[in-house]
Amino acid sequence: MIHDLQFQRICQAQKVGSIALMSFVIFSAAFQTIAQPIAIASTSTDRAITAQLNDSQFLTNGLPQQVVRRVRRDLAQRFNLAQRDLKVVNSGRETWSDSCLGLAAPNERCAMATVEGWRIEITNGQQNWIYRTDLRAQVIKLEAGNRSELPPQVVERLFETIARQANVPASTLKVIESQPRTWDGCMGIFEPRRACTQIAISGYRVIVMGDRQSWVYHVNQDGSQIVQNATASGSGISITPSFTASEAQPPLPIQDTIFQMTVSGGLRGDTTETVLTSEGILYRRSTGMRASVISEPTLIKRLSSLELQQFQHLLQQQRFPNLDGMKYLTSAALADYPTTVVQTTKSTVAYIDLEQNQLPQSLQTIIQAWNQLQ
């Protein structure tokens, strides 16, 4: 207690002395030259404190400003963007399995070692990119195969096209996802009884979201060819459209299958498949949480030749191949709600039936016709 009182008295004395000294200095300066401004030089300590304060403005979940600065510089140089327009929207600590941060380029040699680092999502307001770095961003990798693949100049041309065609402000549009693709002469758009030139056009498949709906477009590499995939477009704002990775689309196990609907997931983890064969046989089978528990197929009905032809014609008329590789899910898909996958031998699309009226119109028509068959 005595030491505390002595310490307080010393501090008070120093404070009084400092105030008196400062008053004397100010009075002297004012007396010598009232008209001259007073210049206050900052010390190295002051500058260090200011830098720390500035750095703290850029911390997101502990993300250092140095890492943000290096990622922004890399993105700006890569796509000719203004750094001032780039903002971090999400970040988190990650542990990578090798020195290439799990993104080795062809023929790149990577050390097999645990690397602590960051996964950072950054945006310019129109498009998002995802980066991986080590802790100090000495190693920086841009994730490929997602929305980061689309060049900004293509985004600009695409938004101008959508704004003109859909009569919506370009400022309300945002790229949700893009995927590198190689198109044929029809830009990958299926039309019944139309032949397409078998040429290879490098480009992208792109999902764009507006205030009320989404669009899917097929574009070439420089954005000089832009074609809407009207079949896959039109989902409502409660739906999150996305692309399915090609390796996640297993072919139908039975070659004579015309159409198959698979409902899986949910709290029980069961899977139910409803299958239509080329002979018009419609049946159902179920699999429990353990793959070994498979029920015997249950015959639903046998379609007539006319019914089978009408359904196949409907798939063509509604341009089902244009839905290949699409997913239309909601947040309920993350809460153990079942997901439905419909397939032909060449096309696969997934959706969640809670918001069926928000799906693209062609997909709604196919689902209704399929349910009527049963």
Foldseek 3Di string as FASTA:
>chain_A
DVVVVVVVVVVVVVVVVVVVVVVVVVVVVCVVPVPDDDDDDDDPVNVVVVVVVVQVVQADANQTVLQVVVVLVVVCVVQVHDSVLKDWDDKDKDKAQWPLSPDADVPRDIGGDIFIWMWTWMDSLAFIWIWTAGNNRPHIDTDPFKRVPARPQLSVLVLVVCCVVVVDDSSQKHWPIKGKDWAFQVLQADAPPDDTHGDTFTWMWTWMDGPFWIWIWRAGRNNPDIGTNLLQTQFTPQWDKDFADPVVDDFDPDQQWAKKKWKAWAPFGKIKMWTAGVQQWTWIKIAGNDNVRIDDIGTDDGDDPVLVVVLSVLCNVSRVQSQARMEIEHCVVVVRQIKMWMDGRRGIYIYHCPPLVRGRPSVNVNVVSVVVVD
